[in-house]
Amino acid sequence: MDHQVELYYSIDHEWIRVEGLDGTVGVTDFAQRELTDVVAVELPEEGTTVSQGEPFGAIEAIKAFSDLISPVSGTVTAVNTELLDHPEWVNEDPYGHGWMIEIRMSNLAEIDTLLSSQYEGEIGEA
């Protein structure tokens, strides 16, 4: 199954930008608005295996502490370590500088369990 570069969304409000076997993951604009001011992010190390629907890290905001849930299974190939010093990027640019990890996906079929543009309509991301 060939997937173009496109954003997919989990029901837990994480997004993944898929390019081939690789995906870049972050939290949605909706999630960062709900959390308000992000003050810290906990991320895994490169080489960590993640599973779809399971926590890969955590995000702490002034109002809340929340697990970050992996939208797909695979191996973490990159970590945005700059977020450790600049957690506010999650609020300022959740789809750009606020990305969290890159995953080499182990099961491309998992993408089909995620939401695409219907997420934007249902959650009001547009």
PDB file of N, CA and C in Angstrom:
ATOM      1  N   MET A   1       0.851  -1.169   0.000  1.00  0.00           N
ATOM      2  CA  MET A   1       0.000   0.000   0.000  1.00  0.00           C
ATOM      3  C   MET A   1       0.898   1.233   0.000  1.00  0.00           C
ATOM      4  N   ASP A   2       0.718   2.102  -0.978  1.00  0.00           N
ATOM      5  CA  ASP A   2       1.552   3.292  -1.117  1.00  0.00           C
ATOM      6  C   ASP A   2       0.834   4.489  -0.534  1.00  0.00           C
ATOM      7  N   HIS A   3       1.403   5.085   0.494  1.00  0.00           N
ATOM      8  CA  HIS A   3       0.808   6.257   1.128  1.00  0.00           C
ATOM      9  C   HIS A   3       1.608   7.492   0.756  1.00  0.00           C
ATOM     10  N   GLN A   4       0.952   8.498   0.253  1.00  0.00           N
ATOM     11  CA  GLN A   4       1.582   9.782  -0.042  1.00  0.00           C
ATOM     12  C   GLN A   4       1.947  10.452   1.288  1.00  0.00           C
ATOM     13  N   VAL A   5       2.721  11.514   1.203  1.00  0.00           N
ATOM     14  CA  VAL A   5       3.004  12.309   2.402  1.00  0.00           C
ATOM     15  C   VAL A   5       1.690  12.958   2.811  1.00  0.00           C
ATOM     16  N   GLU A   6       1.175  12.553   3.953  1.00  0.00           N
ATOM     17  CA  GLU A   6      -0.123  13.024   4.394  1.00  0.00           C
ATOM     18  C   GLU A   6      -0.184  12.938   5.914  1.00  0.00           C
ATOM     19  N   LEU A   7      -1.002  13.781   6.504  1.00  0.00           N
ATOM     20  CA  LEU A   7      -1.198  13.717   7.943  1.00  0.00           C
ATOM     21  C   LEU A   7      -2.329  12.750   8.271  1.00  0.00           C
ATOM     22  N   TYR A   8      -2.081  11.936   9.279  1.00  0.00           N
ATOM     23  CA  TYR A   8      -3.092  11.051   9.853  1.00  0.00           C
ATOM     24  C   TYR A   8      -3.159  11.377  11.338  1.00  0.00           C
ATOM     25  N   TYR A   9      -4.275  11.050  11.950  1.00  0.00           N
ATOM     26  CA  TYR A   9      -4.508  11.425  13.343  1.00  0.00           C
ATOM     27  C   TYR A   9      -4.992  10.229  14.155  1.00  0.00           C
ATOM     28  N   SER A  10      -4.548  10.184  15.409  1.00  0.00           N
ATOM     29  CA  SER A  10      -5.058   9.160  16.325  1.00  0.00           C
ATOM     30  C   SER A  10      -6.216   9.750  17.116  1.00  0.00           C
ATOM     31  N   ILE A  11      -7.010   8.867  17.697  1.00  0.00           N
ATOM     32  CA  ILE A  11      -8.104   9.349  18.546  1.00  0.00           C
ATOM     33  C   ILE A  11      -7.573  10.003  19.819  1.00  0.00           C
ATOM     34  N   ASP A  12      -6.276   9.797  20.097  1.00  0.00           N
ATOM     35  CA  ASP A  12      -5.634  10.400  21.270  1.00  0.00           C
ATOM     36  C   ASP A  12      -5.039  11.772  20.951  1.00  0.00           C
ATOM     37  N   HIS A  13      -5.289  12.286  19.742  1.00  0.00           N
ATOM     38  CA  HIS A  13      -4.866  13.625  19.324  1.00  0.00           C
ATOM     39  C   HIS A  13      -3.376  13.742  19.048  1.00  0.00           C
ATOM     40  N   GLU A  14      -2.777  12.654  18.575  1.00  0.00           N
ATOM     41  CA  GLU A  14      -1.440  12.728  18.015  1.00  0.00           C
ATOM     42  C   GLU A  14      -1.585  12.726  16.494  1.00  0.00           C
ATOM     43  N   TRP A  15      -0.662  13.365  15.807  1.00  0.00           N
ATOM     44  CA  TRP A  15      -0.634  13.323  14.350  1.00  0.00           C
ATOM     45  C   TRP A  15       0.615  12.590  13.904  1.00  0.00           C
ATOM     46  N   ILE A  16       0.560  12.043  12.695  1.00  0.00           N
ATOM     47  CA  ILE A  16       1.735  11.445  12.079  1.00  0.00           C
ATOM     48  C   ILE A  16       1.759  11.858  10.619  1.00  0.00           C
ATOM     49  N   ARG A  17       2.899  12.367  10.190  1.00  0.00           N
ATOM     50  CA  ARG A  17       3.129  12.716   8.790  1.00  0.00           C
ATOM     51  C   ARG A  17       3.893  11.548   8.181  1.00  0.00           C
ATOM     52  N   VAL A  18       3.241  10.818   7.282  1.00  0.00           N
ATOM     53  CA  VAL A  18       3.782   9.585   6.728  1.00  0.00           C
ATOM     54  C   VAL A  18       4.514   9.872   5.422  1.00  0.00           C
ATOM     55  N   GLU A  19       5.727   9.347   5.339  1.00  0.00           N
ATOM     56  CA  GLU A  19       6.515   9.433   4.116  1.00  0.00           C
ATOM     57  C   GLU A  19       7.226   8.092   3.946  1.00  0.00           C
ATOM     58  N   GLY A  20       6.676   7.254   3.063  1.00  0.00           N
ATOM     59  CA  GLY A  20       7.228   5.911   2.891  1.00  0.00           C
ATOM     60  C   GLY A  20       7.011   5.080   4.141  1.00  0.00           C
ATOM     61  N   LEU A  21       8.098   4.530   4.690  1.00  0.00           N
ATOM     62  CA  LEU A  21       8.030   3.738   5.916  1.00  0.00           C
ATOM     63  C   LEU A  21       8.228   4.585   7.171  1.00  0.00           C
ATOM     64  N   ASP A  22       8.492   5.867   6.975  1.00  0.00           N
ATOM     65  CA  ASP A  22       8.814   6.733   8.102  1.00  0.00           C
ATOM     66  C   ASP A  22       7.658   7.664   8.433  1.00  0.00           C
ATOM     67  N   GLY A  23       7.522   7.961   9.709  1.00  0.00           N
ATOM     68  CA  GLY A  23       6.486   8.887  10.147  1.00  0.00           C
ATOM     69  C   GLY A  23       7.022   9.828  11.204  1.00  0.00           C
ATOM     70  N   THR A  24       6.662  11.096  11.067  1.00  0.00           N
ATOM     71  CA  THR A  24       6.994  12.108  12.063  1.00  0.00           C
ATOM     72  C   THR A  24       5.762  12.333  12.919  1.00  0.00           C
ATOM     73  N   VAL A  25       5.922  12.343  14.241  1.00  0.00           N
ATOM     74  CA  VAL A  25       4.804  12.359  15.177  1.00  0.00           C
ATOM     75  C   VAL A  25       4.847  13.609  16.058  1.00  0.00           C
ATOM     76  N   GLY A  26       3.658  14.139  16.340  1.00  0.00           N
ATOM     77  CA  GLY A  26       3.513  15.243  17.278  1.00  0.00           C
ATOM     78  C   GLY A  26       2.096  15.248  17.820  1.00  0.00           C
ATOM     79  N   VAL A  27       1.759  16.273  18.582  1.00  0.00           N
ATOM     80  CA  VAL A  27       0.391  16.405  19.072  1.00  0.00           C
ATOM     81  C   VAL A  27      -0.339  17.428  18.210  1.00  0.00           C
ATOM     82  N   THR A  28      -1.636  17.259  18.113  1.00  0.00           N
ATOM     83  CA  THR A  28      -2.442  18.130  17.263  1.00  0.00           C
ATOM     84  C   THR A  28      -2.609  19.521  17.886  1.00  0.00           C
ATOM     85  N   ASP A  29      -3.033  20.441  17.043  1.00  0.00           N
ATOM     86  CA  ASP A  29      -3.340  21.786  17.515  1.00  0.00           C
ATOM     87  C   ASP A  29      -4.425  21.733  18.583  1.00  0.00           C
ATOM     88  N   PHE A  30      -5.432  20.877  18.375  1.00  0.00           N
ATOM     89  CA  PHE A  30      -6.497  20.704  19.373  1.00  0.00           C
ATOM     90  C   PHE A  30      -5.896  20.308  20.724  1.00  0.00           C
ATOM     91  N   ALA A  31      -4.982  19.328  20.706  1.00  0.00           N
ATOM     92  CA  ALA A  31      -4.383  18.848  21.957  1.00  0.00           C
ATOM     93  C   ALA A  31      -3.597  19.953  22.654  1.00  0.00           C
ATOM     94  N   GLN A  32      -2.802  20.694  21.889  1.00  0.00           N
ATOM     95  CA  GLN A  32      -1.995  21.726  22.549  1.00  0.00           C
ATOM     96  C   GLN A  32      -2.881  22.835  23.095  1.00  0.00           C
ATOM     97  N   ARG A  33      -4.012  23.120  22.433  1.00  0.00           N
ATOM     98  CA  ARG A  33      -4.931  24.140  22.962  1.00  0.00           C
ATOM     99  C   ARG A  33      -5.580  23.656  24.254  1.00  0.00           C
ATOM    100  N   GLU A  34      -5.919  22.362  24.306  1.00  0.00           N
ATOM    101  CA  GLU A  34      -6.518  21.792  25.519  1.00  0.00           C
ATOM    102  C   GLU A  34      -5.524  21.803  26.687  1.00  0.00           C
ATOM    103  N   LEU A  35      -4.268  21.519  26.395  1.00  0.00           N
ATOM    104  CA  LEU A  35      -3.242  21.476  27.435  1.00  0.00           C
ATOM    105  C   LEU A  35      -2.843  22.869  27.893  1.00  0.00           C
ATOM    106  N   THR A  36      -3.002  23.847  27.074  1.00  0.00           N
ATOM    107  CA  THR A  36      -2.545  25.232  27.251  1.00  0.00           C
ATOM    108  C   THR A  36      -1.024  25.275  27.294  1.00  0.00           C
ATOM    109  N   ASP A  37      -0.433  25.891  28.283  1.00  0.00           N
ATOM    110  CA  ASP A  37       1.005  26.155  28.270  1.00  0.00           C
ATOM    111  C   ASP A  37       1.822  24.907  28.604  1.00  0.00           C
ATOM    112  N   VAL A  38       2.496  24.360  27.584  1.00  0.00           N
ATOM    113  CA  VAL A  38       3.353  23.191  27.772  1.00  0.00           C
ATOM    114  C   VAL A  38       4.648  23.647  28.439  1.00  0.00           C
ATOM    115  N   VAL A  39       5.006  22.959  29.534  1.00  0.00           N
ATOM    116  CA  VAL A  39       6.200  23.340  30.287  1.00  0.00           C
ATOM    117  C   VAL A  39       7.300  22.284  30.227  1.00  0.00           C
ATOM    118  N   ALA A  40       6.959  21.049  29.835  1.00  0.00           N
ATOM    119  CA  ALA A  40       7.971  19.992  29.743  1.00  0.00           C
ATOM    120  C   ALA A  40       7.466  18.867  28.852  1.00  0.00           C
ATOM    121  N   VAL A  41       8.422  18.203  28.208  1.00  0.00           N
ATOM    122  CA  VAL A  41       8.114  17.060  27.356  1.00  0.00           C
ATOM    123  C   VAL A  41       9.091  15.946  27.705  1.00  0.00           C
ATOM    124  N   GLU A  42       8.580  14.728  27.869  1.00  0.00           N
ATOM    125  CA  GLU A  42       9.424  13.555  28.081  1.00  0.00           C
ATOM    126  C   GLU A  42       9.344  12.716  26.822  1.00  0.00           C
ATOM    127  N   LEU A  43      10.503  12.429  26.209  1.00  0.00           N
ATOM    128  CA  LEU A  43      10.537  11.691  24.948  1.00  0.00           C
ATOM    129  C   LEU A  43      11.455  10.482  25.081  1.00  0.00           C
ATOM    130  N   PRO A  44      11.207   9.438  24.260  1.00  0.00           N
ATOM    131  CA  PRO A  44      12.053   8.243  24.313  1.00  0.00           C
ATOM    132  C   PRO A  44      13.396   8.494  23.634  1.00  0.00           C
ATOM    133  N   GLU A  45      14.299   7.549  23.780  1.00  0.00           N
ATOM    134  CA  GLU A  45      15.590   7.621  23.100  1.00  0.00           C
ATOM    135  C   GLU A  45      15.471   6.999  21.721  1.00  0.00           C
ATOM    136  N   GLU A  46      16.371   7.402  20.818  1.00  0.00           N
ATOM    137  CA  GLU A  46      16.431   6.753  19.516  1.00  0.00           C
ATOM    138  C   GLU A  46      16.664   5.264  19.724  1.00  0.00           C
ATOM    139  N   GLY A  47      16.030   4.459  18.883  1.00  0.00           N
ATOM    140  CA  GLY A  47      16.175   3.013  18.982  1.00  0.00           C
ATOM    141  C   GLY A  47      15.099   2.353  19.824  1.00  0.00           C
ATOM    142  N   THR A  48      14.302   3.145  20.537  1.00  0.00           N
ATOM    143  CA  THR A  48      13.210   2.618  21.354  1.00  0.00           C
ATOM    144  C   THR A  48      12.131   2.045  20.452  1.00  0.00           C
ATOM    145  N   THR A  49      11.598   0.895  20.813  1.00  0.00           N
ATOM    146  CA  THR A  49      10.473   0.313  20.087  1.00  0.00           C
ATOM    147  C   THR A  49       9.185   0.847  20.701  1.00  0.00           C
ATOM    148  N   VAL A  50       8.283   1.309  19.834  1.00  0.00           N
ATOM    149  CA  VAL A  50       6.992   1.815  20.287  1.00  0.00           C
ATOM    150  C   VAL A  50       5.885   0.962  19.681  1.00  0.00           C
ATOM    151  N   SER A  51       4.737   0.936  20.351  1.00  0.00           N
ATOM    152  CA  SER A  51       3.589   0.155  19.885  1.00  0.00           C
ATOM    153  C   SER A  51       2.383   1.062  19.720  1.00  0.00           C
ATOM    154  N   GLN A  52       1.614   0.799  18.686  1.00  0.00           N
ATOM    155  CA  GLN A  52       0.417   1.585  18.442  1.00  0.00           C
ATOM    156  C   GLN A  52      -0.490   1.543  19.667  1.00  0.00           C
ATOM    157  N   GLY A  53      -0.969   2.725  20.092  1.00  0.00           N
ATOM    158  CA  GLY A  53      -1.887   2.817  21.212  1.00  0.00           C
ATOM    159  C   GLY A  53      -1.227   2.802  22.577  1.00  0.00           C
ATOM    160  N   GLU A  54       0.103   2.725  22.604  1.00  0.00           N
ATOM    161  CA  GLU A  54       0.833   2.685  23.874  1.00  0.00           C
ATOM    162  C   GLU A  54       1.623   3.978  24.074  1.00  0.00           C
ATOM    163  N   PRO A  55       1.850   4.384  25.322  1.00  0.00           N
ATOM    164  CA  PRO A  55       2.600   5.621  25.579  1.00  0.00           C
ATOM    165  C   PRO A  55       4.051   5.529  25.082  1.00  0.00           C
ATOM    166  N   PHE A  56       4.538   6.640  24.501  1.00  0.00           N
ATOM    167  CA  PHE A  56       5.956   6.733  24.126  1.00  0.00           C
ATOM    168  C   PHE A  56       6.654   7.849  24.890  1.00  0.00           C
ATOM    169  N   GLY A  57       5.883   8.637  25.604  1.00  0.00           N
ATOM    170  CA  GLY A  57       6.443   9.739  26.371  1.00  0.00           C
ATOM    171  C   GLY A  57       5.334  10.449  27.119  1.00  0.00           C
ATOM    172  N   ALA A  58       5.621  11.659  27.552  1.00  0.00           N
ATOM    173  CA  ALA A  58       4.623  12.427  28.299  1.00  0.00           C
ATOM    174  C   ALA A  58       4.819  13.905  28.019  1.00  0.00           C
ATOM    175  N   ILE A  59       3.746  14.627  28.258  1.00  0.00           N
ATOM    176  CA  ILE A  59       3.768  16.074  28.079  1.00  0.00           C
ATOM    177  C   ILE A  59       3.174  16.698  29.335  1.00  0.00           C
ATOM    178  N   GLU A  60       3.846  17.738  29.836  1.00  0.00           N
ATOM    179  CA  GLU A  60       3.374  18.406  31.046  1.00  0.00           C
ATOM    180  C   GLU A  60       3.042  19.853  30.711  1.00  0.00           C
ATOM    181  N   ALA A  61       1.859  20.243  31.106  1.00  0.00           N
ATOM    182  CA  ALA A  61       1.419  21.616  30.925  1.00  0.00           C
ATOM    183  C   ALA A  61       1.071  22.179  32.299  1.00  0.00           C
ATOM    184  N   ILE A  62       0.821  23.471  32.335  1.00  0.00           N
ATOM    185  CA  ILE A  62       0.471  24.098  33.611  1.00  0.00           C
ATOM    186  C   ILE A  62      -0.786  23.460  34.201  1.00  0.00           C
ATOM    187  N   LYS A  63      -1.754  23.107  33.326  1.00  0.00           N
ATOM    188  CA  LYS A  63      -3.027  22.552  33.800  1.00  0.00           C
ATOM    189  C   LYS A  63      -3.069  21.034  33.873  1.00  0.00           C
ATOM    190  N   ALA A  64      -2.188  20.329  33.166  1.00  0.00           N
ATOM    191  CA  ALA A  64      -2.368  18.879  33.039  1.00  0.00           C
ATOM    192  C   ALA A  64      -1.050  18.185  32.727  1.00  0.00           C
ATOM    193  N   PHE A  65      -1.056  16.878  32.974  1.00  0.00           N
ATOM    194  CA  PHE A  65       0.042  15.979  32.617  1.00  0.00           C
ATOM    195  C   PHE A  65      -0.591  14.871  31.797  1.00  0.00           C
ATOM    196  N   SER A  66      -0.052  14.585  30.631  1.00  0.00           N
ATOM    197  CA  SER A  66      -0.695  13.620  29.748  1.00  0.00           C
ATOM    198  C   SER A  66       0.331  12.721  29.082  1.00  0.00           C
ATOM    199  N   ASP A  67      -0.027  11.439  28.932  1.00  0.00           N
ATOM    200  CA  ASP A  67       0.815  10.526  28.162  1.00  0.00           C
ATOM    201  C   ASP A  67       0.737  10.888  26.693  1.00  0.00           C
ATOM    202  N   LEU A  68       1.838  10.652  25.991  1.00  0.00           N
ATOM    203  CA  LEU A  68       1.868  10.760  24.536  1.00  0.00           C
ATOM    204  C   LEU A  68       1.696   9.345  24.000  1.00  0.00           C
ATOM    205  N   ILE A  69       0.698   9.131  23.162  1.00  0.00           N
ATOM    206  CA  ILE A  69       0.342   7.790  22.683  1.00  0.00           C
ATOM    207  C   ILE A  69       0.808   7.624  21.240  1.00  0.00           C
ATOM    208  N   SER A  70       1.517   6.555  20.979  1.00  0.00           N
ATOM    209  CA  SER A  70       2.041   6.320  19.637  1.00  0.00           C
ATOM    210  C   SER A  70       0.927   5.950  18.665  1.00  0.00           C
ATOM    211  N   PRO A  71       0.848   6.651  17.525  1.00  0.00           N
ATOM    212  CA  PRO A  71      -0.187   6.324  16.542  1.00  0.00           C
ATOM    213  C   PRO A  71       0.125   5.062  15.737  1.00  0.00           C
ATOM    214  N   VAL A  72       1.392   4.627  15.735  1.00  0.00           N
ATOM    215  CA  VAL A  72       1.802   3.433  14.989  1.00  0.00           C
ATOM    216  C   VAL A  72       2.882   2.692  15.774  1.00  0.00           C
ATOM    217  N   SER A  73       3.149   1.470  15.344  1.00  0.00           N
ATOM    218  CA  SER A  73       4.224   0.678  15.929  1.00  0.00           C
ATOM    219  C   SER A  73       5.486   0.828  15.089  1.00  0.00           C
ATOM    220  N   GLY A  74       6.632   0.714  15.746  1.00  0.00           N
ATOM    221  CA  GLY A  74       7.888   0.777  15.024  1.00  0.00           C
ATOM    222  C   GLY A  74       9.040   1.134  15.939  1.00  0.00           C
ATOM    223  N   THR A  75      10.109   1.642  15.331  1.00  0.00           N
ATOM    224  CA  THR A  75      11.321   2.004  16.061  1.00  0.00           C
ATOM    225  C   THR A  75      11.556   3.500  15.928  1.00  0.00           C
ATOM    226  N   VAL A  76      11.851   4.142  17.044  1.00  0.00           N
ATOM    227  CA  VAL A  76      12.139   5.570  17.042  1.00  0.00           C
ATOM    228  C   VAL A  76      13.486   5.791  16.350  1.00  0.00           C
ATOM    229  N   THR A  77      13.465   6.591  15.277  1.00  0.00           N
ATOM    230  CA  THR A  77      14.685   6.861  14.514  1.00  0.00           C
ATOM    231  C   THR A  77      15.236   8.262  14.762  1.00  0.00           C
ATOM    232  N   ALA A  78      14.421   9.150  15.289  1.00  0.00           N
ATOM    233  CA  ALA A  78      14.881  10.506  15.614  1.00  0.00           C
ATOM    234  C   ALA A  78      14.016  11.070  16.723  1.00  0.00           C
ATOM    235  N   VAL A  79      14.608  11.927  17.533  1.00  0.00           N
ATOM    236  CA  VAL A  79      13.916  12.574  18.651  1.00  0.00           C
ATOM    237  C   VAL A  79      14.207  14.068  18.572  1.00  0.00           C
ATOM    238  N   ASN A  80      13.182  14.869  18.717  1.00  0.00           N
ATOM    239  CA  ASN A  80      13.344  16.322  18.710  1.00  0.00           C
ATOM    240  C   ASN A  80      13.805  16.763  20.102  1.00  0.00           C
ATOM    241  N   THR A  81      15.090  16.597  20.372  1.00  0.00           N
ATOM    242  CA  THR A  81      15.631  16.912  21.693  1.00  0.00           C
ATOM    243  C   THR A  81      15.582  18.414  21.986  1.00  0.00           C
ATOM    244  N   GLU A  82      15.420  19.248  20.947  1.00  0.00           N
ATOM    245  CA  GLU A  82      15.300  20.690  21.179  1.00  0.00           C
ATOM    246  C   GLU A  82      14.046  21.028  21.986  1.00  0.00           C
ATOM    247  N   LEU A  83      13.038  20.134  21.956  1.00  0.00           N
ATOM    248  CA  LEU A  83      11.823  20.375  22.743  1.00  0.00           C
ATOM    249  C   LEU A  83      12.096  20.353  24.241  1.00  0.00           C
ATOM    250  N   LEU A  84      13.159  19.674  24.647  1.00  0.00           N
ATOM    251  CA  LEU A  84      13.482  19.624  26.062  1.00  0.00           C
ATOM    252  C   LEU A  84      13.796  21.029  26.576  1.00  0.00           C
ATOM    253  N   ASP A  85      14.437  21.849  25.736  1.00  0.00           N
ATOM    254  CA  ASP A  85      14.752  23.232  26.096  1.00  0.00           C
ATOM    255  C   ASP A  85      13.683  24.221  25.642  1.00  0.00           C
ATOM    256  N   HIS A  86      12.846  23.800  24.678  1.00  0.00           N
ATOM    257  CA  HIS A  86      11.833  24.695  24.111  1.00  0.00           C
ATOM    258  C   HIS A  86      10.461  24.023  24.046  1.00  0.00           C
ATOM    259  N   PRO A  87       9.909  23.594  25.193  1.00  0.00           N
ATOM    260  CA  PRO A  87       8.611  22.907  25.161  1.00  0.00           C
ATOM    261  C   PRO A  87       7.490  23.795  24.617  1.00  0.00           C
ATOM    262  N   GLU A  88       7.685  25.113  24.659  1.00  0.00           N
ATOM    263  CA  GLU A  88       6.665  26.031  24.158  1.00  0.00           C
ATOM    264  C   GLU A  88       6.431  25.865  22.652  1.00  0.00           C
ATOM    265  N   TRP A  89       7.385  25.248  21.943  1.00  0.00           N
ATOM    266  CA  TRP A  89       7.199  25.009  20.509  1.00  0.00           C
ATOM    267  C   TRP A  89       5.984  24.132  20.241  1.00  0.00           C
ATOM    268  N   VAL A  90       5.631  23.270  21.199  1.00  0.00           N
ATOM    269  CA  VAL A  90       4.435  22.436  21.030  1.00  0.00           C
ATOM    270  C   VAL A  90       3.208  23.338  20.875  1.00  0.00           C
ATOM    271  N   ASN A  91       3.143  24.409  21.650  1.00  0.00           N
ATOM    272  CA  ASN A  91       2.036  25.354  21.546  1.00  0.00           C
ATOM    273  C   ASN A  91       2.162  26.262  20.324  1.00  0.00           C
ATOM    274  N   GLU A  92       3.364  26.709  20.063  1.00  0.00           N
ATOM    275  CA  GLU A  92       3.572  27.696  19.009  1.00  0.00           C
ATOM    276  C   GLU A  92       3.503  27.104  17.608  1.00  0.00           C
ATOM    277  N   ASP A  93       3.983  25.865  17.414  1.00  0.00           N
ATOM    278  CA  ASP A  93       4.109  25.284  16.074  1.00  0.00           C
ATOM    279  C   ASP A  93       3.980  23.757  16.158  1.00  0.00           C
ATOM    280  N   PRO A  94       2.776  23.243  16.528  1.00  0.00           N
ATOM    281  CA  PRO A  94       2.640  21.812  16.782  1.00  0.00           C
ATOM    282  C   PRO A  94       2.924  20.915  15.568  1.00  0.00           C
ATOM    283  N   TYR A  95       2.778  21.434  14.353  1.00  0.00           N
ATOM    284  CA  TYR A  95       3.008  20.627  13.146  1.00  0.00           C
ATOM    285  C   TYR A  95       4.371  20.905  12.515  1.00  0.00           C
ATOM    286  N   GLY A  96       5.147  21.807  13.115  1.00  0.00           N
ATOM    287  CA  GLY A  96       6.461  22.159  12.589  1.00  0.00           C
ATOM    288  C   GLY A  96       7.538  21.887  13.615  1.00  0.00           C
ATOM    289  N   HIS A  97       8.067  22.970  14.228  1.00  0.00           N
ATOM    290  CA  HIS A  97       9.139  22.833  15.231  1.00  0.00           C
ATOM    291  C   HIS A  97       8.720  21.975  16.419  1.00  0.00           C
ATOM    292  N   GLY A  98       7.405  21.842  16.650  1.00  0.00           N
ATOM    293  CA  GLY A  98       6.909  21.088  17.800  1.00  0.00           C
ATOM    294  C   GLY A  98       6.797  19.592  17.578  1.00  0.00           C
ATOM    295  N   TRP A  99       7.329  19.065  16.446  1.00  0.00           N
ATOM    296  CA  TRP A  99       7.300  17.615  16.236  1.00  0.00           C
ATOM    297  C   TRP A  99       8.061  16.936  17.380  1.00  0.00           C
ATOM    298  N   MET A 100       7.761  15.659  17.623  1.00  0.00           N
ATOM    299  CA  MET A 100       8.351  14.988  18.785  1.00  0.00           C
ATOM    300  C   MET A 100       9.316  13.872  18.425  1.00  0.00           C
ATOM    301  N   ILE A 101       8.835  12.897  17.648  1.00  0.00           N
ATOM    302  CA  ILE A 101       9.694  11.770  17.279  1.00  0.00           C
ATOM    303  C   ILE A 101       9.446  11.381  15.826  1.00  0.00           C
ATOM    304  N   GLU A 102      10.422  10.666  15.264  1.00  0.00           N
ATOM    305  CA  GLU A 102      10.250  10.012  13.982  1.00  0.00           C
ATOM    306  C   GLU A 102      10.291   8.514  14.227  1.00  0.00           C
ATOM    307  N   ILE A 103       9.405   7.804  13.534  1.00  0.00           N
ATOM    308  CA  ILE A 103       9.276   6.357  13.709  1.00  0.00           C
ATOM    309  C   ILE A 103       9.460   5.665  12.366  1.00  0.00           C
ATOM    310  N   ARG A 104      10.274   4.609  12.332  1.00  0.00           N
ATOM    311  CA  ARG A 104      10.315   3.708  11.186  1.00  0.00           C
ATOM    312  C   ARG A 104       9.231   2.667  11.471  1.00  0.00           C
ATOM    313  N   MET A 105       8.149   2.735  10.692  1.00  0.00           N
ATOM    314  CA  MET A 105       6.970   1.911  10.966  1.00  0.00           C
ATOM    315  C   MET A 105       7.232   0.436  10.662  1.00  0.00           C
ATOM    316  N   SER A 106       6.712  -0.420  11.527  1.00  0.00           N
ATOM    317  CA  SER A 106       6.863  -1.862  11.351  1.00  0.00           C
ATOM    318  C   SER A 106       5.626  -2.503  10.738  1.00  0.00           C
ATOM    319  N   ASN A 107       4.500  -1.767  10.688  1.00  0.00           N
ATOM    320  CA  ASN A 107       3.259  -2.316  10.145  1.00  0.00           C
ATOM    321  C   ASN A 107       2.474  -1.189   9.457  1.00  0.00           C
ATOM    322  N   LEU A 108       2.667  -1.046   8.156  1.00  0.00           N
ATOM    323  CA  LEU A 108       2.003   0.037   7.426  1.00  0.00           C
ATOM    324  C   LEU A 108       0.485  -0.065   7.475  1.00  0.00           C
ATOM    325  N   ALA A 109      -0.046  -1.258   7.696  1.00  0.00           N
ATOM    326  CA  ALA A 109      -1.504  -1.425   7.760  1.00  0.00           C
ATOM    327  C   ALA A 109      -2.105  -0.625   8.914  1.00  0.00           C
ATOM    328  N   GLU A 110      -1.304  -0.309   9.941  1.00  0.00           N
ATOM    329  CA  GLU A 110      -1.819   0.473  11.064  1.00  0.00           C
ATOM    330  C   GLU A 110      -2.278   1.863  10.634  1.00  0.00           C
ATOM    331  N   ILE A 111      -1.710   2.388   9.568  1.00  0.00           N
ATOM    332  CA  ILE A 111      -2.112   3.709   9.082  1.00  0.00           C
ATOM    333  C   ILE A 111      -3.608   3.718   8.769  1.00  0.00           C
ATOM    334  N   ASP A 112      -4.092   2.593   8.263  1.00  0.00           N
ATOM    335  CA  ASP A 112      -5.508   2.521   7.873  1.00  0.00           C
ATOM    336  C   ASP A 112      -6.451   2.565   9.072  1.00  0.00           C
ATOM    337  N   THR A 113      -5.920   2.410  10.280  1.00  0.00           N
ATOM    338  CA  THR A 113      -6.761   2.496  11.482  1.00  0.00           C
ATOM    339  C   THR A 113      -6.837   3.932  12.000  1.00  0.00           C
ATOM    340  N   LEU A 114      -6.057   4.827  11.410  1.00  0.00           N
ATOM    341  CA  LEU A 114      -6.019   6.219  11.851  1.00  0.00           C
ATOM    342  C   LEU A 114      -7.021   7.054  11.069  1.00  0.00           C
ATOM    343  N   LEU A 115      -7.289   8.241  11.572  1.00  0.00           N
ATOM    344  CA  LEU A 115      -8.195   9.171  10.909  1.00  0.00           C
ATOM    345  C   LEU A 115      -7.388  10.053   9.974  1.00  0.00           C
ATOM    346  N   SER A 116      -7.997  10.453   8.870  1.00  0.00           N
ATOM    347  CA  SER A 116      -7.330  11.408   7.983  1.00  0.00           C
ATOM    348  C   SER A 116      -8.075  12.721   8.060  1.00  0.00           C
ATOM    349  N   SER A 117      -8.550  13.216   6.974  1.00  0.00           N
ATOM    350  CA  SER A 117      -9.168  14.542   6.984  1.00  0.00           C
ATOM    351  C   SER A 117     -10.447  14.594   7.818  1.00  0.00           C
ATOM    352  N   GLN A 118     -11.104  13.446   8.069  1.00  0.00           N
ATOM    353  CA  GLN A 118     -12.320  13.491   8.887  1.00  0.00           C
ATOM    354  C   GLN A 118     -12.012  13.945  10.311  1.00  0.00           C
ATOM    355  N   TYR A 119     -10.778  13.742  10.788  1.00  0.00           N
ATOM    356  CA  TYR A 119     -10.403  14.228  12.120  1.00  0.00           C
ATOM    357  C   TYR A 119     -10.555  15.739  12.170  1.00  0.00           C
ATOM    358  N   GLU A 120     -10.058  16.396  11.140  1.00  0.00           N
ATOM    359  CA  GLU A 120     -10.095  17.856  11.109  1.00  0.00           C
ATOM    360  C   GLU A 120     -11.519  18.368  11.201  1.00  0.00           C
ATOM    361  N   GLY A 121     -12.446  17.716  10.506  1.00  0.00           N
ATOM    362  CA  GLY A 121     -13.833  18.125  10.541  1.00  0.00           C
ATOM    363  C   GLY A 121     -14.498  17.840  11.874  1.00  0.00           C
ATOM    364  N   GLU A 122     -14.209  16.679  12.454  1.00  0.00           N
ATOM    365  CA  GLU A 122     -14.846  16.277  13.704  1.00  0.00           C
ATOM    366  C   GLU A 122     -14.341  17.085  14.892  1.00  0.00           C
ATOM    367  N   ILE A 123     -13.064  17.377  14.901  1.00  0.00           N
ATOM    368  CA  ILE A 123     -12.445  18.023  16.050  1.00  0.00           C
ATOM    369  C   ILE A 123     -12.354  19.538  15.856  1.00  0.00           C
ATOM    370  N   GLY A 124     -12.516  19.974  14.641  1.00  0.00           N
ATOM    371  CA  GLY A 124     -12.455  21.406  14.389  1.00  0.00           C
ATOM    372  C   GLY A 124     -11.041  21.916  14.197  1.00  0.00           C
ATOM    373  N   GLU A 125     -10.202  21.079  13.605  1.00  0.00           N
ATOM    374  CA  GLU A 125      -8.814  21.470  13.375  1.00  0.00           C
ATOM    375  C   GLU A 125      -8.681  22.448  12.220  1.00  0.00           C
ATOM    376  N   ALA A 126      -9.616  22.464  11.316  1.00  0.00           N
ATOM    377  CA  ALA A 126      -9.431  23.200  10.048  1.00  0.00           C
ATOM    378  C   ALA A 126      -9.126  24.655  10.254  1.00  0.00           C
TER     379      ALA A 126
END
